[in-house]
PDB file of N, CA and C in Angstrom:
ATOM      1  N   UNK A   1    -134.639  79.705  17.610  1.00  0.00           N
ATOM      2  CA  UNK A   1    -135.774  79.088  18.127  1.00  0.00           C
ATOM      3  C   UNK A   1    -136.923  80.488  18.243  1.00  0.00           C
ATOM      4  N   UNK A   2    -137.901  79.642  17.500  1.00  0.00           N
ATOM      5  CA  UNK A   2    -139.118  81.236  17.199  1.00  0.00           C
ATOM      6  C   UNK A   2    -140.669  80.715  18.198  1.00  0.00           C
ATOM      7  N   UNK A   3    -141.175  81.694  18.270  1.00  0.00           N
ATOM      8  CA  UNK A   3    -142.175  81.499  19.483  1.00  0.00           C
ATOM      9  C   UNK A   3    -143.288  81.847  18.358  1.00  0.00           C
ATOM     10  N   UNK A   4    -144.875  81.618  18.494  1.00  0.00           N
ATOM     11  CA  UNK A   4    -145.551  82.896  18.008  1.00  0.00           C
ATOM     12  C   UNK A   4    -146.847  82.287  18.468  1.00  0.00           C
ATOM     13  N   UNK A   5    -147.713  83.076  18.893  1.00  0.00           N
ATOM     14  CA  UNK A   5    -148.827  83.265  19.520  1.00  0.00           C
ATOM     15  C   UNK A   5    -149.888  83.841  18.681  1.00  0.00           C
ATOM     16  N   UNK A   6    -150.528  83.120  18.069  1.00  0.00           N
ATOM     17  CA  UNK A   6    -152.169  84.136  16.883  1.00  0.00           C
ATOM     18  C   UNK A   6    -153.423  83.753  17.801  1.00  0.00           C
ATOM     19  N   UNK A   7    -154.122  84.545  17.561  1.00  0.00           N
ATOM     20  CA  UNK A   7    -155.635  84.148  18.053  1.00  0.00           C
ATOM     21  C   UNK A   7    -156.334  84.597  16.586  1.00  0.00           C
ATOM     22  N   UNK A   8    -157.696  83.771  16.516  1.00  0.00           N
ATOM     23  CA  UNK A   8    -158.291  83.653  14.943  1.00  0.00           C
ATOM     24  C   UNK A   8    -159.387  83.265  15.644  1.00  0.00           C
ATOM     25  N   UNK A   9    -160.149  84.158  15.563  1.00  0.00           N
ATOM     26  CA  UNK A   9    -161.984  84.005  16.106  1.00  0.00           C
ATOM     27  C   UNK A   9    -162.170  83.002  17.601  1.00  0.00           C
ATOM     28  N   UNK A  10    -161.022  83.611  18.546  1.00  0.00           N
ATOM     29  CA  UNK A  10    -161.482  83.031  19.552  1.00  0.00           C
ATOM     30  C   UNK A  10    -160.145  81.917  19.971  1.00  0.00           C
ATOM     31  N   UNK A  11    -159.988  81.245  18.891  1.00  0.00           N
ATOM     32  CA  UNK A  11    -158.498  80.437  19.245  1.00  0.00           C
ATOM     33  C   UNK A  11    -156.914  80.833  19.337  1.00  0.00           C
ATOM     34  N   UNK A  12    -156.586  80.366  20.207  1.00  0.00           N
ATOM     35  CA  UNK A  12    -155.242  80.747  20.335  1.00  0.00           C
ATOM     36  C   UNK A  12    -154.551  79.343  19.850  1.00  0.00           C
ATOM     37  N   UNK A  13    -153.093  80.085  19.007  1.00  0.00           N
ATOM     38  CA  UNK A  13    -152.659  78.822  18.764  1.00  0.00           C
ATOM     39  C   UNK A  13    -151.544  79.653  19.078  1.00  0.00           C
ATOM     40  N   UNK A  14    -150.342  78.824  19.531  1.00  0.00           N
ATOM     41  CA  UNK A  14    -149.189  79.023  19.988  1.00  0.00           C
ATOM     42  C   UNK A  14    -148.308  78.020  18.935  1.00  0.00           C
ATOM     43  N   UNK A  15    -147.353  78.318  18.249  1.00  0.00           N
ATOM     44  CA  UNK A  15    -146.640  77.666  17.456  1.00  0.00           C
ATOM     45  C   UNK A  15    -144.697  78.133  18.120  1.00  0.00           C
ATOM     46  N   UNK A  16    -144.200  77.198  18.152  1.00  0.00           N
ATOM     47  CA  UNK A  16    -142.857  76.656  18.485  1.00  0.00           C
ATOM     48  C   UNK A  16    -141.907  76.366  17.344  1.00  0.00           C
ATOM     49  N   UNK A  17    -140.735  77.047  16.730  1.00  0.00           N
ATOM     50  CA  UNK A  17    -140.335  76.582  15.693  1.00  0.00           C
ATOM     51  C   UNK A  17    -138.937  76.468  16.248  1.00  0.00           C
ATOM     52  N   UNK A  18    -137.987  75.447  15.657  1.00  0.00           N
ATOM     53  CA  UNK A  18    -136.317  75.571  15.981  1.00  0.00           C
ATOM     54  C   UNK A  18    -135.966  75.341  14.817  1.00  0.00           C
ATOM     55  N   UNK A  19    -134.339  75.491  14.550  1.00  0.00           N
ATOM     56  CA  UNK A  19    -133.419  75.468  12.800  1.00  0.00           C
ATOM     57  C   UNK A  19    -132.700  74.240  13.561  1.00  0.00           C
ATOM     58  N   UNK A  20    -133.478  73.106  14.587  1.00  0.00           N
ATOM     59  CA  UNK A  20    -132.556  71.537  14.799  1.00  0.00           C
ATOM     60  C   UNK A  20    -131.979  70.983  13.908  1.00  0.00           C
ATOM     61  N   UNK A  21    -132.156  69.656  14.065  1.00  0.00           N
ATOM     62  CA  UNK A  21    -132.028  68.780  13.511  1.00  0.00           C
ATOM     63  C   UNK A  21    -133.114  67.829  12.465  1.00  0.00           C
ATOM     64  N   UNK A  22    -134.318  68.593  12.584  1.00  0.00           N
ATOM     65  CA  UNK A  22    -135.474  67.907  12.612  1.00  0.00           C
ATOM     66  C   UNK A  22    -135.910  66.522  12.518  1.00  0.00           C
ATOM     67  N   UNK A  23    -137.082  66.015  12.402  1.00  0.00           N
ATOM     68  CA  UNK A  23    -137.442  64.868  12.909  1.00  0.00           C
ATOM     69  C   UNK A  23    -138.003  63.997  11.550  1.00  0.00           C
ATOM     70  N   UNK A  24    -137.295  62.572  11.316  1.00  0.00           N
ATOM     71  CA  UNK A  24    -138.059  61.936   9.927  1.00  0.00           C
ATOM     72  C   UNK A  24    -139.312  61.561   9.929  1.00  0.00           C
ATOM     73  N   UNK A  25    -140.092  62.003   8.910  1.00  0.00           N
ATOM     74  CA  UNK A  25    -141.566  60.984   9.156  1.00  0.00           C
ATOM     75  C   UNK A  25    -142.236  60.593   9.569  1.00  0.00           C
ATOM     76  N   UNK A  26    -141.443  59.463   9.561  1.00  0.00           N
ATOM     77  CA  UNK A  26    -141.531  57.847  10.400  1.00  0.00           C
ATOM     78  C   UNK A  26    -141.737  58.075  11.732  1.00  0.00           C
ATOM     79  N   UNK A  27    -140.986  58.769  12.214  1.00  0.00           N
ATOM     80  CA  UNK A  27    -140.918  59.080  13.834  1.00  0.00           C
ATOM     81  C   UNK A  27    -141.872  60.121  14.116  1.00  0.00           C
ATOM     82  N   UNK A  28    -142.450  60.996  13.371  1.00  0.00           N
ATOM     83  CA  UNK A  28    -143.099  62.825  13.942  1.00  0.00           C
ATOM     84  C   UNK A  28    -144.496  61.295  13.971  1.00  0.00           C
ATOM     85  N   UNK A  29    -144.861  60.756  13.219  1.00  0.00           N
ATOM     86  CA  UNK A  29    -146.304  60.101  13.221  1.00  0.00           C
ATOM     87  C   UNK A  29    -146.559  59.608  15.213  1.00  0.00           C
ATOM     88  N   UNK A  30    -145.436  59.423  15.137  1.00  0.00           N
ATOM     89  CA  UNK A  30    -145.723  58.151  16.828  1.00  0.00           C
ATOM     90  C   UNK A  30    -145.229  58.967  17.999  1.00  0.00           C
ATOM     91  N   UNK A  31    -144.379  60.936  17.652  1.00  0.00           N
ATOM     92  CA  UNK A  31    -143.905  61.023  18.907  1.00  0.00           C
ATOM     93  C   UNK A  31    -144.865  62.103  19.887  1.00  0.00           C
ATOM     94  N   UNK A  32    -146.245  62.107  19.672  1.00  0.00           N
ATOM     95  CA  UNK A  32    -147.016  61.905  20.832  1.00  0.00           C
ATOM     96  C   UNK A  32    -148.026  60.518  21.701  1.00  0.00           C
ATOM     97  N   UNK A  33    -147.529  59.863  21.070  1.00  0.00           N
ATOM     98  CA  UNK A  33    -147.198  58.167  21.372  1.00  0.00           C
ATOM     99  C   UNK A  33    -146.591  58.195  23.315  1.00  0.00           C
ATOM    100  N   UNK A  34    -147.980  57.994  24.621  1.00  0.00           N
ATOM    101  CA  UNK A  34    -146.801  57.819  25.614  1.00  0.00           C
ATOM    102  C   UNK A  34    -145.587  56.738  25.325  1.00  0.00           C
ATOM    103  N   UNK A  35    -144.537  57.065  26.107  1.00  0.00           N
ATOM    104  CA  UNK A  35    -142.886  56.538  26.131  1.00  0.00           C
ATOM    105  C   UNK A  35    -143.022  56.284  25.086  1.00  0.00           C
ATOM    106  N   UNK A  36    -143.490  56.601  24.113  1.00  0.00           N
ATOM    107  CA  UNK A  36    -142.706  56.754  22.593  1.00  0.00           C
ATOM    108  C   UNK A  36    -140.934  57.173  22.072  1.00  0.00           C
ATOM    109  N   UNK A  37    -140.112  56.274  22.362  1.00  0.00           N
ATOM    110  CA  UNK A  37    -139.051  57.388  21.769  1.00  0.00           C
ATOM    111  C   UNK A  37    -137.993  56.791  20.616  1.00  0.00           C
ATOM    112  N   UNK A  38    -137.955  57.647  19.516  1.00  0.00           N
ATOM    113  CA  UNK A  38    -137.016  57.111  18.783  1.00  0.00           C
ATOM    114  C   UNK A  38    -135.927  56.166  18.604  1.00  0.00           C
ATOM    115  N   UNK A  39    -135.800  55.276  18.302  1.00  0.00           N
ATOM    116  CA  UNK A  39    -134.771  53.918  17.913  1.00  0.00           C
ATOM    117  C   UNK A  39    -133.129  54.914  17.133  1.00  0.00           C
ATOM    118  N   UNK A  40    -132.619  56.169  16.970  1.00  0.00           N
ATOM    119  CA  UNK A  40    -132.037  56.599  16.710  1.00  0.00           C
ATOM    120  C   UNK A  40    -130.645  56.672  17.674  1.00  0.00           C
ATOM    121  N   UNK A  41    -129.598  57.328  17.228  1.00  0.00           N
ATOM    122  CA  UNK A  41    -128.225  57.570  17.988  1.00  0.00           C
ATOM    123  C   UNK A  41    -128.635  59.045  18.892  1.00  0.00           C
ATOM    124  N   UNK A  42    -128.712  59.870  18.072  1.00  0.00           N
ATOM    125  CA  UNK A  42    -129.681  60.969  19.179  1.00  0.00           C
ATOM    126  C   UNK A  42    -130.082  61.474  19.955  1.00  0.00           C
ATOM    127  N   UNK A  43    -131.279  60.516  19.604  1.00  0.00           N
ATOM    128  CA  UNK A  43    -132.597  60.133  20.436  1.00  0.00           C
ATOM    129  C   UNK A  43    -132.101  59.611  21.949  1.00  0.00           C
ATOM    130  N   UNK A  44    -131.488  58.217  21.435  1.00  0.00           N
ATOM    131  CA  UNK A  44    -131.098  57.171  22.791  1.00  0.00           C
ATOM    132  C   UNK A  44    -129.654  57.987  23.351  1.00  0.00           C
ATOM    133  N   UNK A  45    -129.298  58.915  23.458  1.00  0.00           N
ATOM    134  CA  UNK A  45    -128.103  59.840  23.745  1.00  0.00           C
ATOM    135  C   UNK A  45    -128.515  60.854  24.393  1.00  0.00           C
ATOM    136  N   UNK A  46    -129.845  60.793  24.928  1.00  0.00           N
ATOM    137  CA  UNK A  46    -130.771  62.186  24.977  1.00  0.00           C
ATOM    138  C   UNK A  46    -131.198  61.486  26.834  1.00  0.00           C
ATOM    139  N   UNK A  47    -131.479  62.204  27.646  1.00  0.00           N
ATOM    140  CA  UNK A  47    -132.450  61.477  28.946  1.00  0.00           C
ATOM    141  C   UNK A  47    -133.676  62.251  28.633  1.00  0.00           C
ATOM    142  N   UNK A  48    -134.649  61.074  29.038  1.00  0.00           N
ATOM    143  CA  UNK A  48    -136.342  61.315  29.011  1.00  0.00           C
ATOM    144  C   UNK A  48    -137.057  59.921  28.600  1.00  0.00           C
ATOM    145  N   UNK A  49    -137.970  59.740  28.748  1.00  0.00           N
ATOM    146  CA  UNK A  49    -138.955  59.090  29.145  1.00  0.00           C
ATOM    147  C   UNK A  49    -140.000  59.045  27.962  1.00  0.00           C
ATOM    148  N   UNK A  50    -140.289  59.992  27.131  1.00  0.00           N
ATOM    149  CA  UNK A  50    -141.118  59.579  25.781  1.00  0.00           C
ATOM    150  C   UNK A  50    -142.243  60.162  26.404  1.00  0.00           C
ATOM    151  N   UNK A  51    -142.745  61.217  28.032  1.00  0.00           N
ATOM    152  CA  UNK A  51    -143.821  61.522  28.077  1.00  0.00           C
ATOM    153  C   UNK A  51    -144.511  62.946  28.063  1.00  0.00           C
ATOM    154  N   UNK A  52    -143.448  63.719  27.877  1.00  0.00           N
ATOM    155  CA  UNK A  52    -143.288  65.049  27.483  1.00  0.00           C
ATOM    156  C   UNK A  52    -145.031  65.658  26.813  1.00  0.00           C
ATOM    157  N   UNK A  53    -144.236  64.762  25.403  1.00  0.00           N
ATOM    158  CA  UNK A  53    -145.433  65.554  24.249  1.00  0.00           C
ATOM    159  C   UNK A  53    -146.711  64.776  24.398  1.00  0.00           C
ATOM    160  N   UNK A  54    -146.346  63.650  24.931  1.00  0.00           N
ATOM    161  CA  UNK A  54    -148.047  62.696  25.310  1.00  0.00           C
ATOM    162  C   UNK A  54    -148.772  63.545  26.056  1.00  0.00           C
ATOM    163  N   UNK A  55    -148.156  63.775  27.180  1.00  0.00           N
ATOM    164  CA  UNK A  55    -148.436  65.011  28.507  1.00  0.00           C
ATOM    165  C   UNK A  55    -149.373  66.603  27.458  1.00  0.00           C
ATOM    166  N   UNK A  56    -148.554  66.895  26.692  1.00  0.00           N
ATOM    167  CA  UNK A  56    -148.498  68.249  26.274  1.00  0.00           C
ATOM    168  C   UNK A  56    -150.137  67.749  25.605  1.00  0.00           C
ATOM    169  N   UNK A  57    -150.259  67.242  24.731  1.00  0.00           N
ATOM    170  CA  UNK A  57    -151.101  66.521  24.075  1.00  0.00           C
ATOM    171  C   UNK A  57    -152.737  66.147  24.673  1.00  0.00           C
ATOM    172  N   UNK A  58    -152.561  65.237  26.075  1.00  0.00           N
ATOM    173  CA  UNK A  58    -153.966  65.081  26.865  1.00  0.00           C
ATOM    174  C   UNK A  58    -154.043  66.181  27.361  1.00  0.00           C
ATOM    175  N   UNK A  59    -153.499  67.427  27.861  1.00  0.00           N
ATOM    176  CA  UNK A  59    -153.794  68.669  28.034  1.00  0.00           C
ATOM    177  C   UNK A  59    -154.726  69.329  26.843  1.00  0.00           C
ATOM    178  N   UNK A  60    -154.074  69.543  26.026  1.00  0.00           N
ATOM    179  CA  UNK A  60    -154.842  70.399  24.843  1.00  0.00           C
ATOM    180  C   UNK A  60    -155.885  69.833  24.841  1.00  0.00           C
ATOM    181  N   UNK A  61    -156.034  68.371  24.942  1.00  0.00           N
ATOM    182  CA  UNK A  61    -157.485  67.580  24.617  1.00  0.00           C
ATOM    183  C   UNK A  61    -158.505  67.950  25.770  1.00  0.00           C
ATOM    184  N   UNK A  62    -157.682  67.785  26.732  1.00  0.00           N
ATOM    185  CA  UNK A  62    -159.137  68.535  27.716  1.00  0.00           C
ATOM    186  C   UNK A  62    -159.468  69.550  27.820  1.00  0.00           C
ATOM    187  N   UNK A  63    -159.374  70.211  27.187  1.00  0.00           N
ATOM    188  CA  UNK A  63    -159.905  72.043  26.760  1.00  0.00           C
ATOM    189  C   UNK A  63    -159.863  71.863  25.162  1.00  0.00           C
ATOM    190  N   UNK A  64    -160.118  70.670  25.009  1.00  0.00           N
ATOM    191  CA  UNK A  64    -160.979  70.716  23.339  1.00  0.00           C
ATOM    192  C   UNK A  64    -159.700  70.695  22.174  1.00  0.00           C
ATOM    193  N   UNK A  65    -158.343  71.176  22.752  1.00  0.00           N
ATOM    194  CA  UNK A  65    -157.756  71.805  21.473  1.00  0.00           C
ATOM    195  C   UNK A  65    -157.039  70.408  20.870  1.00  0.00           C
ATOM    196  N   UNK A  66    -156.001  70.957  20.207  1.00  0.00           N
ATOM    197  CA  UNK A  66    -155.111  70.118  19.081  1.00  0.00           C
ATOM    198  C   UNK A  66    -153.637  70.483  19.478  1.00  0.00           C
ATOM    199  N   UNK A  67    -152.789  69.418  18.984  1.00  0.00           N
ATOM    200  CA  UNK A  67    -151.152  69.453  19.214  1.00  0.00           C
ATOM    201  C   UNK A  67    -150.706  68.921  17.949  1.00  0.00           C
ATOM    202  N   UNK A  68    -150.151  69.625  17.285  1.00  0.00           N
ATOM    203  CA  UNK A  68    -150.053  69.215  15.628  1.00  0.00           C
ATOM    204  C   UNK A  68    -148.519  69.085  15.649  1.00  0.00           C
ATOM    205  N   UNK A  69    -147.620  68.968  15.010  1.00  0.00           N
ATOM    206  CA  UNK A  69    -146.140  68.734  14.688  1.00  0.00           C
ATOM    207  C   UNK A  69    -145.721  68.739  12.724  1.00  0.00           C
ATOM    208  N   UNK A  70    -145.085  69.240  12.587  1.00  0.00           N
ATOM    209  CA  UNK A  70    -144.432  69.211  10.895  1.00  0.00           C
ATOM    210  C   UNK A  70    -142.451  69.449  11.218  1.00  0.00           C
ATOM    211  N   UNK A  71    -142.191  68.600  10.158  1.00  0.00           N
ATOM    212  CA  UNK A  71    -140.839  68.864  10.450  1.00  0.00           C
ATOM    213  C   UNK A  71    -140.785  68.666   8.896  1.00  0.00           C
ATOM    214  N   UNK A  72    -139.043  69.347   8.635  1.00  0.00           N
ATOM    215  CA  UNK A  72    -138.153  68.909   7.339  1.00  0.00           C
ATOM    216  C   UNK A  72    -136.690  68.405   8.286  1.00  0.00           C
ATOM    217  N   UNK A  73    -136.286  67.270   8.018  1.00  0.00           N
ATOM    218  CA  UNK A  73    -135.060  66.778   8.528  1.00  0.00           C
ATOM    219  C   UNK A  73    -134.080  67.635   7.929  1.00  0.00           C
ATOM    220  N   UNK A  74    -133.327  68.118   9.018  1.00  0.00           N
ATOM    221  CA  UNK A  74    -132.005  69.029   8.675  1.00  0.00           C
ATOM    222  C   UNK A  74    -131.884  70.448   8.568  1.00  0.00           C
ATOM    223  N   UNK A  75    -133.438  70.512   8.761  1.00  0.00           N
ATOM    224  CA  UNK A  75    -134.061  72.125   8.653  1.00  0.00           C
ATOM    225  C   UNK A  75    -134.826  72.630  10.250  1.00  0.00           C
ATOM    226  N   UNK A  76    -135.972  71.892  10.030  1.00  0.00           N
ATOM    227  CA  UNK A  76    -136.661  72.586  11.264  1.00  0.00           C
ATOM    228  C   UNK A  76    -137.716  72.188  12.089  1.00  0.00           C
ATOM    229  N   UNK A  77    -138.649  72.251  12.900  1.00  0.00           N
ATOM    230  CA  UNK A  77    -139.429  71.351  13.686  1.00  0.00           C
ATOM    231  C   UNK A  77    -139.911  72.623  14.319  1.00  0.00           C
ATOM    232  N   UNK A  78    -141.896  71.982  14.232  1.00  0.00           N
ATOM    233  CA  UNK A  78    -142.313  73.284  14.779  1.00  0.00           C
ATOM    234  C   UNK A  78    -143.554  72.237  15.070  1.00  0.00           C
ATOM    235  N   UNK A  79    -143.713  72.652  16.540  1.00  0.00           N
ATOM    236  CA  UNK A  79    -144.824  72.121  17.432  1.00  0.00           C
ATOM    237  C   UNK A  79    -145.977  73.233  17.374  1.00  0.00           C
ATOM    238  N   UNK A  80    -147.207  73.552  17.422  1.00  0.00           N
ATOM    239  CA  UNK A  80    -148.508  73.750  17.346  1.00  0.00           C
ATOM    240  C   UNK A  80    -149.594  73.295  18.760  1.00  0.00           C
ATOM    241  N   UNK A  81    -149.927  74.281  18.969  1.00  0.00           N
ATOM    242  CA  UNK A  81    -150.760  74.166  20.324  1.00  0.00           C
ATOM    243  C   UNK A  81    -152.148  74.840  20.119  1.00  0.00           C
ATOM    244  N   UNK A  82    -153.139  74.199  20.007  1.00  0.00           N
ATOM    245  CA  UNK A  82    -154.544  75.449  19.344  1.00  0.00           C
ATOM    246  C   UNK A  82    -155.359  75.470  20.431  1.00  0.00           C
ATOM    247  N   UNK A  83    -156.049  76.026  21.106  1.00  0.00           N
ATOM    248  CA  UNK A  83    -156.810  76.187  22.134  1.00  0.00           C
ATOM    249  C   UNK A  83    -158.246  77.210  21.683  1.00  0.00           C
ATOM    250  N   UNK A  84    -159.246  76.474  21.627  1.00  0.00           N
ATOM    251  CA  UNK A  84    -160.349  77.034  22.033  1.00  0.00           C
ATOM    252  C   UNK A  84    -161.375  78.012  22.566  1.00  0.00           C
ATOM    253  N   UNK A  85    -161.294  79.055  22.455  1.00  0.00           N
ATOM    254  CA  UNK A  85    -162.110  80.285  23.727  1.00  0.00           C
ATOM    255  C   UNK A  85    -161.543  80.156  24.483  1.00  0.00           C
ATOM    256  N   UNK A  86    -159.886  80.533  24.289  1.00  0.00           N
ATOM    257  CA  UNK A  86    -159.523  81.239  25.405  1.00  0.00           C
ATOM    258  C   UNK A  86    -159.240  82.071  25.478  1.00  0.00           C
ATOM    259  N   UNK A  87    -159.881  82.815  24.767  1.00  0.00           N
ATOM    260  CA  UNK A  87    -160.106  84.492  24.282  1.00  0.00           C
ATOM    261  C   UNK A  87    -161.295  84.789  23.855  1.00  0.00           C
ATOM    262  N   UNK A  88    -161.365  85.613  24.427  1.00  0.00           N
ATOM    263  CA  UNK A  88    -163.095  86.296  23.890  1.00  0.00           C
ATOM    264  C   UNK A  88    -162.939  87.177  23.191  1.00  0.00           C
ATOM    265  N   UNK A  89    -164.006  87.468  22.199  1.00  0.00           N
ATOM    266  CA  UNK A  89    -163.981  88.148  21.136  1.00  0.00           C
ATOM    267  C   UNK A  89    -163.808  89.928  21.814  1.00  0.00           C
ATOM    268  N   UNK A  90    -163.602  90.166  22.837  1.00  0.00           N
ATOM    269  CA  UNK A  90    -163.178  91.314  22.963  1.00  0.00           C
ATOM    270  C   UNK A  90    -162.370  91.421  23.772  1.00  0.00           C
ATOM    271  N   UNK A  91    -161.616  90.659  23.652  1.00  0.00           N
ATOM    272  CA  UNK A  91    -160.343  90.548  24.277  1.00  0.00           C
ATOM    273  C   UNK A  91    -159.225  90.307  22.911  1.00  0.00           C
ATOM    274  N   UNK A  92    -159.393  90.219  22.203  1.00  0.00           N
ATOM    275  CA  UNK A  92    -158.682  89.771  20.739  1.00  0.00           C
ATOM    276  C   UNK A  92    -157.516  90.730  20.270  1.00  0.00           C
ATOM    277  N   UNK A  93    -156.285  90.893  20.497  1.00  0.00           N
ATOM    278  CA  UNK A  93    -155.489  91.078  20.069  1.00  0.00           C
ATOM    279  C   UNK A  93    -155.197  91.200  18.344  1.00  0.00           C
ATOM    280  N   UNK A  94    -154.950  91.700  17.867  1.00  0.00           N
ATOM    281  CA  UNK A  94    -154.580  92.463  16.679  1.00  0.00           C
ATOM    282  C   UNK A  94    -153.433  91.796  16.051  1.00  0.00           C
ATOM    283  N   UNK A  95    -153.376  91.301  14.666  1.00  0.00           N
ATOM    284  CA  UNK A  95    -152.056  90.767  14.362  1.00  0.00           C
ATOM    285  C   UNK A  95    -151.456  89.598  15.488  1.00  0.00           C
ATOM    286  N   UNK A  96    -150.101  89.023  14.827  1.00  0.00           N
ATOM    287  CA  UNK A  96    -149.369  87.927  15.590  1.00  0.00           C
ATOM    288  C   UNK A  96    -148.626  88.586  16.739  1.00  0.00           C
ATOM    289  N   UNK A  97    -147.983  88.122  17.552  1.00  0.00           N
ATOM    290  CA  UNK A  97    -146.789  88.532  18.218  1.00  0.00           C
ATOM    291  C   UNK A  97    -145.756  87.217  18.217  1.00  0.00           C
ATOM    292  N   UNK A  98    -144.740  87.587  17.875  1.00  0.00           N
ATOM    293  CA  UNK A  98    -143.813  86.759  17.879  1.00  0.00           C
ATOM    294  C   UNK A  98    -142.510  87.232  18.290  1.00  0.00           C
ATOM    295  N   UNK A  99    -141.543  86.165  18.918  1.00  0.00           N
ATOM    296  CA  UNK A  99    -140.496  86.531  19.841  1.00  0.00           C
ATOM    297  C   UNK A  99    -139.536  85.479  19.315  1.00  0.00           C
ATOM    298  N   UNK A 100    -138.249  86.423  19.463  1.00  0.00           N
ATOM    299  CA  UNK A 100    -137.195  85.239  19.011  1.00  0.00           C
ATOM    300  C   UNK A 100    -136.266  85.026  20.169  1.00  0.00           C
ATOM    301  N   UNK A 101    -136.519  83.707  20.240  1.00  0.00           N
ATOM    302  CA  UNK A 101    -135.731  83.429  22.113  1.00  0.00           C
ATOM    303  C   UNK A 101    -133.962  84.115  22.017  1.00  0.00           C
ATOM    304  N   UNK A 102    -133.852  83.938  21.093  1.00  0.00           N
ATOM    305  CA  UNK A 102    -132.233  84.295  20.663  1.00  0.00           C
ATOM    306  C   UNK A 102    -131.762  85.427  21.125  1.00  0.00           C
ATOM    307  N   UNK A 103    -132.926  86.661  20.744  1.00  0.00           N
ATOM    308  CA  UNK A 103    -133.017  87.838  20.888  1.00  0.00           C
ATOM    309  C   UNK A 103    -132.573  88.034  22.448  1.00  0.00           C
ATOM    310  N   UNK A 104    -132.498  87.764  23.693  1.00  0.00           N
ATOM    311  CA  UNK A 104    -132.455  88.184  24.726  1.00  0.00           C
ATOM    312  C   UNK A 104    -131.738  86.442  25.193  1.00  0.00           C
ATOM    313  N   UNK A 105    -131.549  85.964  24.694  1.00  0.00           N
ATOM    314  CA  UNK A 105    -130.549  84.958  25.222  1.00  0.00           C
ATOM    315  C   UNK A 105    -131.566  83.799  25.455  1.00  0.00           C
ATOM    316  N   UNK A 106    -131.135  82.390  25.423  1.00  0.00           N
ATOM    317  CA  UNK A 106    -132.094  81.633  26.385  1.00  0.00           C
ATOM    318  C   UNK A 106    -132.487  81.290  27.258  1.00  0.00           C
ATOM    319  N   UNK A 107    -131.962  81.969  28.359  1.00  0.00           N
ATOM    320  CA  UNK A 107    -132.943  82.609  29.501  1.00  0.00           C
ATOM    321  C   UNK A 107    -133.767  83.280  29.757  1.00  0.00           C
ATOM    322  N   UNK A 108    -134.402  83.745  28.603  1.00  0.00           N
ATOM    323  CA  UNK A 108    -135.878  84.657  28.575  1.00  0.00           C
ATOM    324  C   UNK A 108    -136.891  83.427  28.502  1.00  0.00           C
ATOM    325  N   UNK A 109    -136.525  82.146  28.148  1.00  0.00           N
ATOM    326  CA  UNK A 109    -137.522  81.013  27.981  1.00  0.00           C
ATOM    327  C   UNK A 109    -137.227  80.349  29.194  1.00  0.00           C
ATOM    328  N   UNK A 110    -136.404  80.268  29.700  1.00  0.00           N
ATOM    329  CA  UNK A 110    -135.587  79.178  30.863  1.00  0.00           C
ATOM    330  C   UNK A 110    -135.126  77.864  30.679  1.00  0.00           C
ATOM    331  N   UNK A 111    -134.565  78.170  29.153  1.00  0.00           N
ATOM    332  CA  UNK A 111    -134.027  77.299  28.605  1.00  0.00           C
ATOM    333  C   UNK A 111    -133.177  77.271  29.299  1.00  0.00           C
ATOM    334  N   UNK A 112    -132.295  75.509  29.814  1.00  0.00           N
ATOM    335  CA  UNK A 112    -131.077  75.456  30.212  1.00  0.00           C
ATOM    336  C   UNK A 112    -130.527  74.051  29.607  1.00  0.00           C
ATOM    337  N   UNK A 113    -129.193  74.576  29.192  1.00  0.00           N
ATOM    338  CA  UNK A 113    -128.583  73.081  28.785  1.00  0.00           C
ATOM    339  C   UNK A 113    -128.182  71.938  29.851  1.00  0.00           C
ATOM    340  N   UNK A 114    -128.752  70.937  28.999  1.00  0.00           N
ATOM    341  CA  UNK A 114    -128.544  69.697  30.437  1.00  0.00           C
ATOM    342  C   UNK A 114    -127.344  69.988  31.297  1.00  0.00           C
ATOM    343  N   UNK A 115    -126.233  70.063  30.298  1.00  0.00           N
ATOM    344  CA  UNK A 115    -124.752  69.756  31.067  1.00  0.00           C
ATOM    345  C   UNK A 115    -124.811  71.631  32.411  1.00  0.00           C
ATOM    346  N   UNK A 116    -125.505  72.624  32.085  1.00  0.00           N
ATOM    347  CA  UNK A 116    -125.430  73.661  32.809  1.00  0.00           C
ATOM    348  C   UNK A 116    -126.286  73.379  34.333  1.00  0.00           C
ATOM    349  N   UNK A 117    -127.075  72.597  33.894  1.00  0.00           N
ATOM    350  CA  UNK A 117    -128.245  72.460  34.760  1.00  0.00           C
ATOM    351  C   UNK A 117    -127.769  71.408  35.481  1.00  0.00           C
ATOM    352  N   UNK A 118    -127.160  70.675  35.271  1.00  0.00           N
ATOM    353  CA  UNK A 118    -126.484  68.799  35.927  1.00  0.00           C
ATOM    354  C   UNK A 118    -125.206  69.013  35.779  1.00  0.00           C
ATOM    355  N   UNK A 119    -124.259  69.304  35.984  1.00  0.00           N
ATOM    356  CA  UNK A 119    -123.089  69.602  35.251  1.00  0.00           C
ATOM    357  C   UNK A 119    -122.432  68.052  36.015  1.00  0.00           C
ATOM    358  N   UNK A 120    -122.769  67.473  36.491  1.00  0.00           N
ATOM    359  CA  UNK A 120    -122.222  65.935  36.890  1.00  0.00           C
ATOM    360  C   UNK A 120    -123.044  64.820  36.228  1.00  0.00           C
ATOM    361  N   UNK A 121    -123.990  65.124  35.446  1.00  0.00           N
ATOM    362  CA  UNK A 121    -124.752  63.800  34.821  1.00  0.00           C
ATOM    363  C   UNK A 121    -124.399  63.616  33.158  1.00  0.00           C
ATOM    364  N   UNK A 122    -123.955  62.630  32.893  1.00  0.00           N
ATOM    365  CA  UNK A 122    -123.319  62.530  31.393  1.00  0.00           C
ATOM    366  C   UNK A 122    -124.822  61.406  31.170  1.00  0.00           C
ATOM    367  N   UNK A 123    -124.437  61.111  29.565  1.00  0.00           N
ATOM    368  CA  UNK A 123    -125.783  59.736  29.761  1.00  0.00           C
ATOM    369  C   UNK A 123    -125.152  58.516  29.923  1.00  0.00           C
TER     370      UNK A 123
END
């Protein structure tokens, strides 16, 4: 997993990329729709309501921002949130800061596998 935060003209963009299974283009166009869940074997085996990305989109839009996703099946998925006016011009850091979450283990992000958090839960 790679997380990159950049600032350009006062707009903060946070980009999160993984090296997972990717998302098919026909599914990708619907992932920000409330309650949408892909009808494939992997997705159906996961716990969720299909609300997470829809909520992220609504929050970003409340701040006049945007959310987007790009993906290559079998390679990676990248999610981006861009928020305008969050950082004033005097506060703008130079360049970008990237963090590879695997450098310090997944605990750096508070990421846990479902099996570790809820050992009794199965699909």
